[in-house]
C-alpha atoms as a PDB file:
ATOM      1  CA  UNK A   1      13.561 -10.809 -37.296  1.00  0.00           C
ATOM      2  CA  UNK A   2      16.630 -12.919 -38.672  1.00  0.00           C
ATOM      3  CA  UNK A   3      17.166 -15.691 -36.042  1.00  0.00           C
ATOM      4  CA  UNK A   4      20.910 -15.819 -37.063  1.00  0.00           C
ATOM      5  CA  UNK A   5      21.425 -12.361 -35.741  1.00  0.00           C
ATOM      6  CA  UNK A   6      20.054 -11.275 -32.231  1.00  0.00           C
ATOM      7  CA  UNK A   7      21.079  -8.904 -29.472  1.00  0.00           C
ATOM      8  CA  UNK A   8      19.741  -9.613 -25.732  1.00  0.00           C
ATOM      9  CA  UNK A   9      19.379  -6.529 -23.559  1.00  0.00           C
ATOM     10  CA  UNK A  10      18.639  -5.580 -20.297  1.00  0.00           C
ATOM     11  CA  UNK A  11      16.068  -2.844 -19.874  1.00  0.00           C
ATOM     12  CA  UNK A  12      14.880  -0.678 -17.017  1.00  0.00           C
ATOM     13  CA  UNK A  13      11.135   0.173 -16.740  1.00  0.00           C
ATOM     14  CA  UNK A  14       9.795   2.757 -14.776  1.00  0.00           C
ATOM     15  CA  UNK A  15       6.388   4.718 -14.297  1.00  0.00           C
ATOM     16  CA  UNK A  16       4.757   7.134 -11.769  1.00  0.00           C
ATOM     17  CA  UNK A  17       1.933   8.536 -13.736  1.00  0.00           C
ATOM     18  CA  UNK A  18      -1.382   6.837 -14.425  1.00  0.00           C
ATOM     19  CA  UNK A  19      -1.954   6.481 -18.247  1.00  0.00           C
ATOM     20  CA  UNK A  20      -5.833   7.458 -18.961  1.00  0.00           C
ATOM     21  CA  UNK A  21      -6.460   3.935 -20.939  1.00  0.00           C
ATOM     22  CA  UNK A  22      -4.299   1.879 -19.408  1.00  0.00           C
ATOM     23  CA  UNK A  23      -4.520   2.391 -15.591  1.00  0.00           C
ATOM     24  CA  UNK A  24      -1.986   2.377 -12.959  1.00  0.00           C
ATOM     25  CA  UNK A  25       1.885   2.586 -13.348  1.00  0.00           C
ATOM     26  CA  UNK A  26       1.860  -1.136 -12.668  1.00  0.00           C
ATOM     27  CA  UNK A  27      -0.389  -1.594 -15.707  1.00  0.00           C
ATOM     28  CA  UNK A  28       1.513   0.736 -17.556  1.00  0.00           C
ATOM     29  CA  UNK A  29       4.845  -1.357 -16.928  1.00  0.00           C
ATOM     30  CA  UNK A  30       2.654  -4.652 -18.039  1.00  0.00           C
ATOM     31  CA  UNK A  31       1.426  -2.510 -21.320  1.00  0.00           C
ATOM     32  CA  UNK A  32       4.903  -1.579 -22.036  1.00  0.00           C
ATOM     33  CA  UNK A  33       6.064  -5.332 -22.393  1.00  0.00           C
ATOM     34  CA  UNK A  34       3.031  -5.995 -24.449  1.00  0.00           C
ATOM     35  CA  UNK A  35       4.007  -2.922 -26.614  1.00  0.00           C
ATOM     36  CA  UNK A  36       7.464  -4.440 -27.007  1.00  0.00           C
ATOM     37  CA  UNK A  37       6.088  -8.109 -28.172  1.00  0.00           C
ATOM     38  CA  UNK A  38       3.873  -6.399 -30.527  1.00  0.00           C
ATOM     39  CA  UNK A  39       7.271  -4.822 -32.204  1.00  0.00           C
ATOM     40  CA  UNK A  40       8.761  -8.383 -32.571  1.00  0.00           C
ATOM     41  CA  UNK A  41      10.663  -8.200 -29.434  1.00  0.00           C
ATOM     42  CA  UNK A  42      11.004 -11.501 -27.494  1.00  0.00           C
ATOM     43  CA  UNK A  43      10.565 -10.674 -23.985  1.00  0.00           C
ATOM     44  CA  UNK A  44      12.308 -13.240 -22.289  1.00  0.00           C
ATOM     45  CA  UNK A  45      12.134 -12.422 -18.639  1.00  0.00           C
ATOM     46  CA  UNK A  46      10.519  -9.726 -16.537  1.00  0.00           C
ATOM     47  CA  UNK A  47      11.270  -8.817 -12.776  1.00  0.00           C
ATOM     48  CA  UNK A  48       8.487  -8.501 -10.093  1.00  0.00           C
ATOM     49  CA  UNK A  49       7.661  -4.763  -9.870  1.00  0.00           C
ATOM     50  CA  UNK A  50       9.111  -2.736  -6.877  1.00  0.00           C
ATOM     51  CA  UNK A  51       8.000   0.767  -5.463  1.00  0.00           C
ATOM     52  CA  UNK A  52      10.859   3.381  -5.225  1.00  0.00           C
ATOM     53  CA  UNK A  53      10.959   6.475  -3.924  1.00  0.00           C
ATOM     54  CA  UNK A  54      11.591   9.290  -6.657  1.00  0.00           C
ATOM     55  CA  UNK A  55      14.749  11.158  -7.989  1.00  0.00           C
ATOM     56  CA  UNK A  56      14.574  14.667  -8.493  1.00  0.00           C
ATOM     57  CA  UNK A  57      11.593  17.408  -8.309  1.00  0.00           C
ATOM     58  CA  UNK A  58       8.747  14.625  -8.609  1.00  0.00           C
ATOM     59  CA  UNK A  59       6.968  13.513  -5.737  1.00  0.00           C
ATOM     60  CA  UNK A  60       5.282  10.589  -6.736  1.00  0.00           C
ATOM     61  CA  UNK A  61       6.556   6.741  -6.273  1.00  0.00           C
ATOM     62  CA  UNK A  62       7.624   4.874  -9.111  1.00  0.00           C
ATOM     63  CA  UNK A  63       6.956   1.571  -9.927  1.00  0.00           C
ATOM     64  CA  UNK A  64      10.157  -0.069 -11.466  1.00  0.00           C
ATOM     65  CA  UNK A  65      10.904  -3.176 -13.093  1.00  0.00           C
ATOM     66  CA  UNK A  66      13.433  -5.011 -15.415  1.00  0.00           C
ATOM     67  CA  UNK A  67      13.390  -7.037 -18.375  1.00  0.00           C
ATOM     68  CA  UNK A  68      15.834  -9.230 -20.567  1.00  0.00           C
ATOM     69  CA  UNK A  69      14.770  -8.903 -24.398  1.00  0.00           C
ATOM     70  CA  UNK A  70      16.082 -10.194 -27.628  1.00  0.00           C
ATOM     71  CA  UNK A  71      15.654  -8.753 -30.782  1.00  0.00           C
ATOM     72  CA  UNK A  72      17.681  -8.159 -34.147  1.00  0.00           C
ATOM     73  CA  UNK A  73      18.278  -4.618 -33.536  1.00  0.00           C
ATOM     74  CA  UNK A  74      21.184  -2.642 -32.903  1.00  0.00           C
ATOM     75  CA  UNK A  75      21.257  -0.166 -29.502  1.00  0.00           C
ATOM     76  CA  UNK A  76      20.359   2.760 -31.640  1.00  0.00           C
ATOM     77  CA  UNK A  77      17.736   1.113 -33.319  1.00  0.00           C
ATOM     78  CA  UNK A  78      16.461  -0.142 -30.232  1.00  0.00           C
ATOM     79  CA  UNK A  79      16.644   3.559 -28.510  1.00  0.00           C
ATOM     80  CA  UNK A  80      14.331   4.755 -31.182  1.00  0.00           C
ATOM     81  CA  UNK A  81      11.874   2.155 -30.818  1.00  0.00           C
ATOM     82  CA  UNK A  82      12.003   2.473 -27.053  1.00  0.00           C
ATOM     83  CA  UNK A  83      11.407   6.357 -27.395  1.00  0.00           C
ATOM     84  CA  UNK A  84       8.507   5.500 -29.705  1.00  0.00           C
ATOM     85  CA  UNK A  85       6.920   3.272 -27.294  1.00  0.00           C
ATOM     86  CA  UNK A  86       7.283   5.708 -24.510  1.00  0.00           C
ATOM     87  CA  UNK A  87       5.759   8.668 -26.801  1.00  0.00           C
ATOM     88  CA  UNK A  88       2.877   6.479 -27.498  1.00  0.00           C
ATOM     89  CA  UNK A  89       1.874   6.342 -23.809  1.00  0.00           C
ATOM     90  CA  UNK A  90       2.239  10.295 -23.408  1.00  0.00           C
ATOM     91  CA  UNK A  91       5.276  12.542 -24.244  1.00  0.00           C
ATOM     92  CA  UNK A  92       7.299  13.748 -21.183  1.00  0.00           C
ATOM     93  CA  UNK A  93       6.904  17.028 -20.435  1.00  0.00           C
ATOM     94  CA  UNK A  94       9.307  19.515 -18.178  1.00  0.00           C
ATOM     95  CA  UNK A  95      11.905  18.752 -15.960  1.00  0.00           C
ATOM     96  CA  UNK A  96      14.383  15.899 -16.083  1.00  0.00           C
ATOM     97  CA  UNK A  97      13.184  13.482 -13.668  1.00  0.00           C
ATOM     98  CA  UNK A  98       9.797  14.646 -13.319  1.00  0.00           C
ATOM     99  CA  UNK A  99       6.891  12.265 -13.294  1.00  0.00           C
ATOM    100  CA  UNK A 100       6.346  10.535 -16.269  1.00  0.00           C
ATOM    101  CA  UNK A 101       3.810   7.781 -17.481  1.00  0.00           C
ATOM    102  CA  UNK A 102       6.949   5.271 -19.229  1.00  0.00           C
ATOM    103  CA  UNK A 103      10.611   5.197 -19.125  1.00  0.00           C
ATOM    104  CA  UNK A 104      12.484   2.726 -20.519  1.00  0.00           C
ATOM    105  CA  UNK A 105      16.300   2.475 -20.919  1.00  0.00           C
ATOM    106  CA  UNK A 106      18.611   0.241 -22.035  1.00  0.00           C
ATOM    107  CA  UNK A 107      21.101  -0.944 -19.263  1.00  0.00           C
ATOM    108  CA  UNK A 108      23.294  -3.581 -20.631  1.00  0.00           C
ATOM    109  CA  UNK A 109      23.511  -5.447 -23.774  1.00  0.00           C
ATOM    110  CA  UNK A 110      25.279  -8.696 -25.035  1.00  0.00           C
ATOM    111  CA  UNK A 111      27.328  -6.851 -27.094  1.00  0.00           C
ATOM    112  CA  UNK A 112      29.573  -5.231 -24.430  1.00  0.00           C
ATOM    113  CA  UNK A 113      29.908  -1.668 -24.775  1.00  0.00           C
ATOM    114  CA  UNK A 114      28.254   0.861 -27.311  1.00  0.00           C
ATOM    115  CA  UNK A 115      28.682   4.697 -27.740  1.00  0.00           C
ATOM    116  CA  UNK A 116      26.086   6.336 -29.981  1.00  0.00           C
ATOM    117  CA  UNK A 117      27.289   9.107 -32.253  1.00  0.00           C
ATOM    118  CA  UNK A 118      24.538  11.130 -30.869  1.00  0.00           C
ATOM    119  CA  UNK A 119      25.392  11.759 -27.053  1.00  0.00           C
ATOM    120  CA  UNK A 120      22.198  10.104 -25.745  1.00  0.00           C
ATOM    121  CA  UNK A 121      22.996   6.638 -25.871  1.00  0.00           C
ATOM    122  CA  UNK A 122      25.875   4.928 -23.776  1.00  0.00           C
ATOM    123  CA  UNK A 123      25.790   1.376 -23.059  1.00  0.00           C
ATOM    124  CA  UNK A 124      26.422   0.298 -20.213  1.00  0.00           C
ATOM    125  CA  UNK A 125      23.590   3.006 -19.174  1.00  0.00           C
ATOM    126  CA  UNK A 126      26.140   5.507 -17.007  1.00  0.00           C
ATOM    127  CA  UNK A 127      24.312   5.597 -13.859  1.00  0.00           C
ATOM    128  CA  UNK A 128      22.740   2.163 -13.432  1.00  0.00           C
ATOM    129  CA  UNK A 129      25.555   1.085 -10.860  1.00  0.00           C
ATOM    130  CA  UNK A 130      24.109   3.716  -8.331  1.00  0.00           C
ATOM    131  CA  UNK A 131      20.396   3.189  -8.831  1.00  0.00           C
ATOM    132  CA  UNK A 132      18.837   0.321  -6.582  1.00  0.00           C
ATOM    133  CA  UNK A 133      15.677   0.577  -8.163  1.00  0.00           C
ATOM    134  CA  UNK A 134      17.285  -0.824 -11.535  1.00  0.00           C
ATOM    135  CA  UNK A 135      19.806  -3.023  -9.803  1.00  0.00           C
ATOM    136  CA  UNK A 136      17.230  -4.766  -7.514  1.00  0.00           C
ATOM    137  CA  UNK A 137      14.821  -5.743 -10.000  1.00  0.00           C
ATOM    138  CA  UNK A 138      17.723  -6.470 -12.654  1.00  0.00           C
ATOM    139  CA  UNK A 139      19.224  -9.103 -10.205  1.00  0.00           C
ATOM    140  CA  UNK A 140      16.001 -10.923 -10.293  1.00  0.00           C
ATOM    141  CA  UNK A 141      16.248 -11.773 -14.222  1.00  0.00           C
ATOM    142  CA  UNK A 142      20.035 -11.110 -14.874  1.00  0.00           C
ATOM    143  CA  UNK A 143      22.230 -11.972 -11.730  1.00  0.00           C
ATOM    144  CA  UNK A 144      24.916 -13.266 -13.607  1.00  0.00           C
ATOM    145  CA  UNK A 145      24.910 -10.259 -16.468  1.00  0.00           C
ATOM    146  CA  UNK A 146      28.697  -8.604 -16.403  1.00  0.00           C
ATOM    147  CA  UNK A 147      29.101  -4.995 -16.372  1.00  0.00           C
ATOM    148  CA  UNK A 148      31.902  -4.653 -19.364  1.00  0.00           C
ATOM    149  CA  UNK A 149      33.529  -1.722 -17.508  1.00  0.00           C
ATOM    150  CA  UNK A 150      33.766  -3.104 -13.880  1.00  0.00           C
ATOM    151  CA  UNK A 151      33.157  -7.183 -15.072  1.00  0.00           C
ATOM    152  CA  UNK A 152      31.190  -7.312 -11.786  1.00  0.00           C
ATOM    153  CA  UNK A 153      27.798  -9.312 -12.142  1.00  0.00           C
ATOM    154  CA  UNK A 154      24.746  -7.608 -11.408  1.00  0.00           C
ATOM    155  CA  UNK A 155      24.249  -9.511  -8.260  1.00  0.00           C
ATOM    156  CA  UNK A 156      27.764  -8.313  -6.909  1.00  0.00           C
ATOM    157  CA  UNK A 157      26.785  -4.624  -8.117  1.00  0.00           C
ATOM    158  CA  UNK A 158      23.661  -4.855  -5.962  1.00  0.00           C
ATOM    159  CA  UNK A 159      25.264  -6.453  -3.040  1.00  0.00           C
ATOM    160  CA  UNK A 160      27.896  -3.651  -2.944  1.00  0.00           C
ATOM    161  CA  UNK A 161      25.360  -1.011  -3.687  1.00  0.00           C
ATOM    162  CA  UNK A 162      23.025  -2.008  -0.619  1.00  0.00           C
ATOM    163  CA  UNK A 163      25.258  -3.926   1.920  1.00  0.00           C
ATOM    164  CA  UNK A 164      25.651  -1.592   5.161  1.00  0.00           C
END
């Protein structure tokens, strides 16, 4: 990796299905961080894992976390790598939001906003402001990171989402 060019990313991690070799969803997320490091991605911080209720048709609870990573990849390139790592843990099947072994999403990056030519990547992630299972872990590892759209910090977004 060229030390002169690097980008920091906040990524969300999730799993609600055991892997036949790795084990429980919590172990899947730990293995995913190891897989990132094996691809020359520096894992700068990883949150504690939380158990959350599923969105959509899945009945299994999720294990979620967040990580701050650093690499020389642009968002499109990182997305390709994340999808490759997801596939190495088992391809997604069926419906959106169904049970899955591994889900890795780019939430924010140090470059601000990013719109891919393909419609599958927009940074910041379109729904992260509404998701406690993203904001809760993210506020542990990146509390001062700012949403480039609202200019609010992760901590502020989490407070807005969770206050009574």
